[in-house]
Amino acid sequence: QVQLVESGGGLVQPGGSLRLSCVASGSVVSVDSMDWYRQAPGKERELVAATSYTYYADSVKGRFTVSRDNAKNTVYLQMNSLKPEDTAVYYCRARVRAYSIAWSHYWGQGTQVTVSS
């Protein structure tokens, strides 16, 4: 089994910063892509940042930075200059090869980010 666990969400004032983390654990043999998505109330889930290729959503360019620690099977999302419209549940998605399981995509449970004064 493979688990993706996000952490680091919370309530922050506009202009503030948060750092999200996502760790892949369990029967992990290798991790390919690790990306961040978000879903705001009433909206579709959208890709925010990808690590397998350079991608940031236009709405977060210059404010968010994605990075990885491959030795720890961890991806981070540094979010600066947060705006109320960044409020959403943030999800990690990873392509993982596990023991006795072919390459598959997995989702984390999500972490809530609320930007409000």
C-alpha atoms as a PDB file:
ATOM      1  CA  GLN A   1       0.000   0.000   0.000  1.00  0.00           C
ATOM      2  CA  VAL A   2       1.025   3.575  -0.686  1.00  0.00           C
ATOM      3  CA  GLN A   3      -0.033   6.578   1.325  1.00  0.00           C
ATOM      4  CA  LEU A   4       0.363  10.253   0.524  1.00  0.00           C
ATOM      5  CA  VAL A   5       0.054  12.487   3.550  1.00  0.00           C
ATOM      6  CA  GLU A   6      -0.126  16.271   3.240  1.00  0.00           C
ATOM      7  CA  SER A   7       0.517  18.705   6.071  1.00  0.00           C
ATOM      8  CA  GLY A   8       1.121  22.377   6.653  1.00  0.00           C
ATOM      9  CA  GLY A   9      -2.276  23.846   5.859  1.00  0.00           C
ATOM     10  CA  GLY A  10      -4.071  26.309   8.074  1.00  0.00           C
ATOM     11  CA  LEU A  11      -5.490  29.783   8.439  1.00  0.00           C
ATOM     12  CA  VAL A  12      -3.316  32.680   7.327  1.00  0.00           C
ATOM     13  CA  GLN A  13      -3.895  36.379   6.718  1.00  0.00           C
ATOM     14  CA  PRO A  14      -3.642  37.857   3.233  1.00  0.00           C
ATOM     15  CA  GLY A  15      -0.010  38.461   2.360  1.00  0.00           C
ATOM     16  CA  GLY A  16       1.141  35.656   4.615  1.00  0.00           C
ATOM     17  CA  SER A  17       2.989  32.445   3.840  1.00  0.00           C
ATOM     18  CA  LEU A  18       2.537  28.724   4.313  1.00  0.00           C
ATOM     19  CA  ARG A  19       4.633  25.698   3.424  1.00  0.00           C
ATOM     20  CA  LEU A  20       2.859  22.502   2.510  1.00  0.00           C
ATOM     21  CA  SER A  21       4.504  19.090   2.626  1.00  0.00           C
ATOM     22  CA  CYS A  22       3.503  15.766   1.120  1.00  0.00           C
ATOM     23  CA  VAL A  23       5.215  12.501   1.964  1.00  0.00           C
ATOM     24  CA  ALA A  24       4.837   9.249   0.061  1.00  0.00           C
ATOM     25  CA  SER A  25       5.170   6.232   2.312  1.00  0.00           C
ATOM     26  CA  GLY A  26       4.351   2.555   2.528  1.00  0.00           C
ATOM     27  CA  SER A  27       5.493   0.017  -0.021  1.00  0.00           C
ATOM     28  CA  VAL A  28       7.185   2.635  -2.191  1.00  0.00           C
ATOM     29  CA  VAL A  29       9.837   1.463  -4.628  1.00  0.00           C
ATOM     30  CA  SER A  30      10.152   4.588  -6.728  1.00  0.00           C
ATOM     31  CA  VAL A  31       8.382   7.923  -7.153  1.00  0.00           C
ATOM     32  CA  ASP A  32       8.075   9.653 -10.501  1.00  0.00           C
ATOM     33  CA  SER A  33       6.030  12.844 -10.561  1.00  0.00           C
ATOM     34  CA  MET A  34       4.788  14.623  -7.434  1.00  0.00           C
ATOM     35  CA  ASP A  35       2.417  17.481  -8.124  1.00  0.00           C
ATOM     36  CA  TRP A  36       0.128  19.847  -6.249  1.00  0.00           C
ATOM     37  CA  TYR A  37      -3.527  20.440  -7.039  1.00  0.00           C
ATOM     38  CA  ARG A  38      -6.185  22.483  -5.306  1.00  0.00           C
ATOM     39  CA  GLN A  39      -9.952  22.582  -5.214  1.00  0.00           C
ATOM     40  CA  ALA A  40     -11.921  25.592  -4.061  1.00  0.00           C
ATOM     41  CA  PRO A  41     -15.594  25.324  -3.053  1.00  0.00           C
ATOM     42  CA  GLY A  42     -17.798  25.015  -6.106  1.00  0.00           C
ATOM     43  CA  LYS A  43     -14.843  24.747  -8.472  1.00  0.00           C
ATOM     44  CA  GLU A  44     -13.053  21.953 -10.264  1.00  0.00           C
ATOM     45  CA  ARG A  45      -9.755  20.605  -9.016  1.00  0.00           C
ATOM     46  CA  GLU A  46      -6.881  22.356 -10.780  1.00  0.00           C
ATOM     47  CA  LEU A  47      -3.171  21.736 -11.176  1.00  0.00           C
ATOM     48  CA  VAL A  48      -1.184  24.302  -9.218  1.00  0.00           C
ATOM     49  CA  ALA A  49       2.415  23.167  -9.656  1.00  0.00           C
ATOM     50  CA  ALA A  50       4.212  20.205 -11.175  1.00  0.00           C
ATOM     51  CA  THR A  51       7.685  18.811 -10.564  1.00  0.00           C
ATOM     52  CA  SER A  52       8.201  16.475 -13.515  1.00  0.00           C
ATOM     53  CA  TYR A  53       8.169  19.494 -15.815  1.00  0.00           C
ATOM     54  CA  THR A  54       8.222  23.179 -15.064  1.00  0.00           C
ATOM     55  CA  TYR A  55       4.638  24.234 -14.537  1.00  0.00           C
ATOM     56  CA  TYR A  56       2.858  26.725 -12.360  1.00  0.00           C
ATOM     57  CA  ALA A  57      -0.721  27.883 -12.770  1.00  0.00           C
ATOM     58  CA  ASP A  58      -0.802  31.485 -13.979  1.00  0.00           C
ATOM     59  CA  SER A  59      -2.588  32.523 -10.802  1.00  0.00           C
ATOM     60  CA  VAL A  60       0.343  31.436  -8.586  1.00  0.00           C
ATOM     61  CA  LYS A  61       3.384  32.266 -10.722  1.00  0.00           C
ATOM     62  CA  GLY A  62       5.917  34.312  -8.815  1.00  0.00           C
ATOM     63  CA  ARG A  63       4.289  33.496  -5.469  1.00  0.00           C
ATOM     64  CA  PHE A  64       4.443  29.700  -5.142  1.00  0.00           C
ATOM     65  CA  THR A  65       7.519  27.480  -5.381  1.00  0.00           C
ATOM     66  CA  VAL A  66       7.482  23.688  -5.627  1.00  0.00           C
ATOM     67  CA  SER A  67      10.462  21.582  -4.606  1.00  0.00           C
ATOM     68  CA  ARG A  68      11.285  17.947  -3.884  1.00  0.00           C
ATOM     69  CA  ASP A  69      13.454  15.926  -1.571  1.00  0.00           C
ATOM     70  CA  ASN A  70      13.783  12.667  -3.474  1.00  0.00           C
ATOM     71  CA  ALA A  71      15.602  10.932  -0.642  1.00  0.00           C
ATOM     72  CA  LYS A  72      12.558  11.518   1.566  1.00  0.00           C
ATOM     73  CA  ASN A  73       9.904  10.980  -1.131  1.00  0.00           C
ATOM     74  CA  THR A  74       8.615  14.409  -0.193  1.00  0.00           C
ATOM     75  CA  VAL A  75       7.331  17.359  -2.178  1.00  0.00           C
ATOM     76  CA  TYR A  76       6.902  20.862  -0.788  1.00  0.00           C
ATOM     77  CA  LEU A  77       4.864  23.860  -1.839  1.00  0.00           C
ATOM     78  CA  GLN A  78       6.089  27.187  -0.517  1.00  0.00           C
ATOM     79  CA  MET A  79       3.247  29.681  -0.801  1.00  0.00           C
ATOM     80  CA  ASN A  80       4.002  33.376  -0.349  1.00  0.00           C
ATOM     81  CA  SER A  81       1.916  36.517  -0.725  1.00  0.00           C
ATOM     82  CA  LEU A  82      -1.213  34.492  -0.185  1.00  0.00           C
ATOM     83  CA  LYS A  83      -4.520  35.876  -1.384  1.00  0.00           C
ATOM     84  CA  PRO A  84      -8.101  35.048  -0.353  1.00  0.00           C
ATOM     85  CA  GLU A  85      -8.586  33.393  -3.737  1.00  0.00           C
ATOM     86  CA  ASP A  86      -5.905  30.859  -2.790  1.00  0.00           C
ATOM     87  CA  THR A  87      -8.339  29.424  -0.257  1.00  0.00           C
ATOM     88  CA  ALA A  88      -8.871  25.768  -1.165  1.00  0.00           C
ATOM     89  CA  VAL A  89      -8.134  22.203  -0.209  1.00  0.00           C
ATOM     90  CA  TYR A  90      -4.671  21.396  -1.503  1.00  0.00           C
ATOM     91  CA  TYR A  91      -3.949  17.878  -2.714  1.00  0.00           C
ATOM     92  CA  CYS A  92      -0.760  16.061  -3.533  1.00  0.00           C
ATOM     93  CA  ARG A  93      -0.760  13.601  -6.454  1.00  0.00           C
ATOM     94  CA  ALA A  94       2.120  11.273  -7.142  1.00  0.00           C
ATOM     95  CA  ARG A  95       3.000   8.585  -9.664  1.00  0.00           C
ATOM     96  CA  VAL A  96       4.468   5.747  -7.639  1.00  0.00           C
ATOM     97  CA  ARG A  97       5.769   2.253  -8.213  1.00  0.00           C
ATOM     98  CA  ALA A  98       5.105   0.053  -5.208  1.00  0.00           C
ATOM     99  CA  TYR A  99       6.123  -3.516  -4.425  1.00  0.00           C
ATOM    100  CA  SER A 100       4.145  -5.897  -6.649  1.00  0.00           C
ATOM    101  CA  ILE A 101       2.158  -2.976  -8.075  1.00  0.00           C
ATOM    102  CA  ALA A 102       2.715  -1.287 -11.426  1.00  0.00           C
ATOM    103  CA  TRP A 103       3.162   2.454 -11.731  1.00  0.00           C
ATOM    104  CA  SER A 104       0.003   4.118 -10.452  1.00  0.00           C
ATOM    105  CA  HIS A 105      -1.223   7.569  -9.461  1.00  0.00           C
ATOM    106  CA  TYR A 106      -2.146   8.208  -5.853  1.00  0.00           C
ATOM    107  CA  TRP A 107      -3.849  11.133  -4.131  1.00  0.00           C
ATOM    108  CA  GLY A 108      -3.416  12.463  -0.637  1.00  0.00           C
ATOM    109  CA  GLN A 109      -6.339  13.290   1.620  1.00  0.00           C
ATOM    110  CA  GLY A 110      -5.873  17.027   1.202  1.00  0.00           C
ATOM    111  CA  THR A 111      -5.003  19.872   3.532  1.00  0.00           C
ATOM    112  CA  GLN A 112      -7.147  22.979   3.976  1.00  0.00           C
ATOM    113  CA  VAL A 113      -5.648  26.388   3.295  1.00  0.00           C
ATOM    114  CA  THR A 114      -7.752  29.386   4.291  1.00  0.00           C
ATOM    115  CA  VAL A 115      -6.601  32.916   3.551  1.00  0.00           C
ATOM    116  CA  SER A 116      -8.673  35.429   5.464  1.00  0.00           C
ATOM    117  CA  SER A 117      -8.321  38.451   7.684  1.00  0.00           C
END
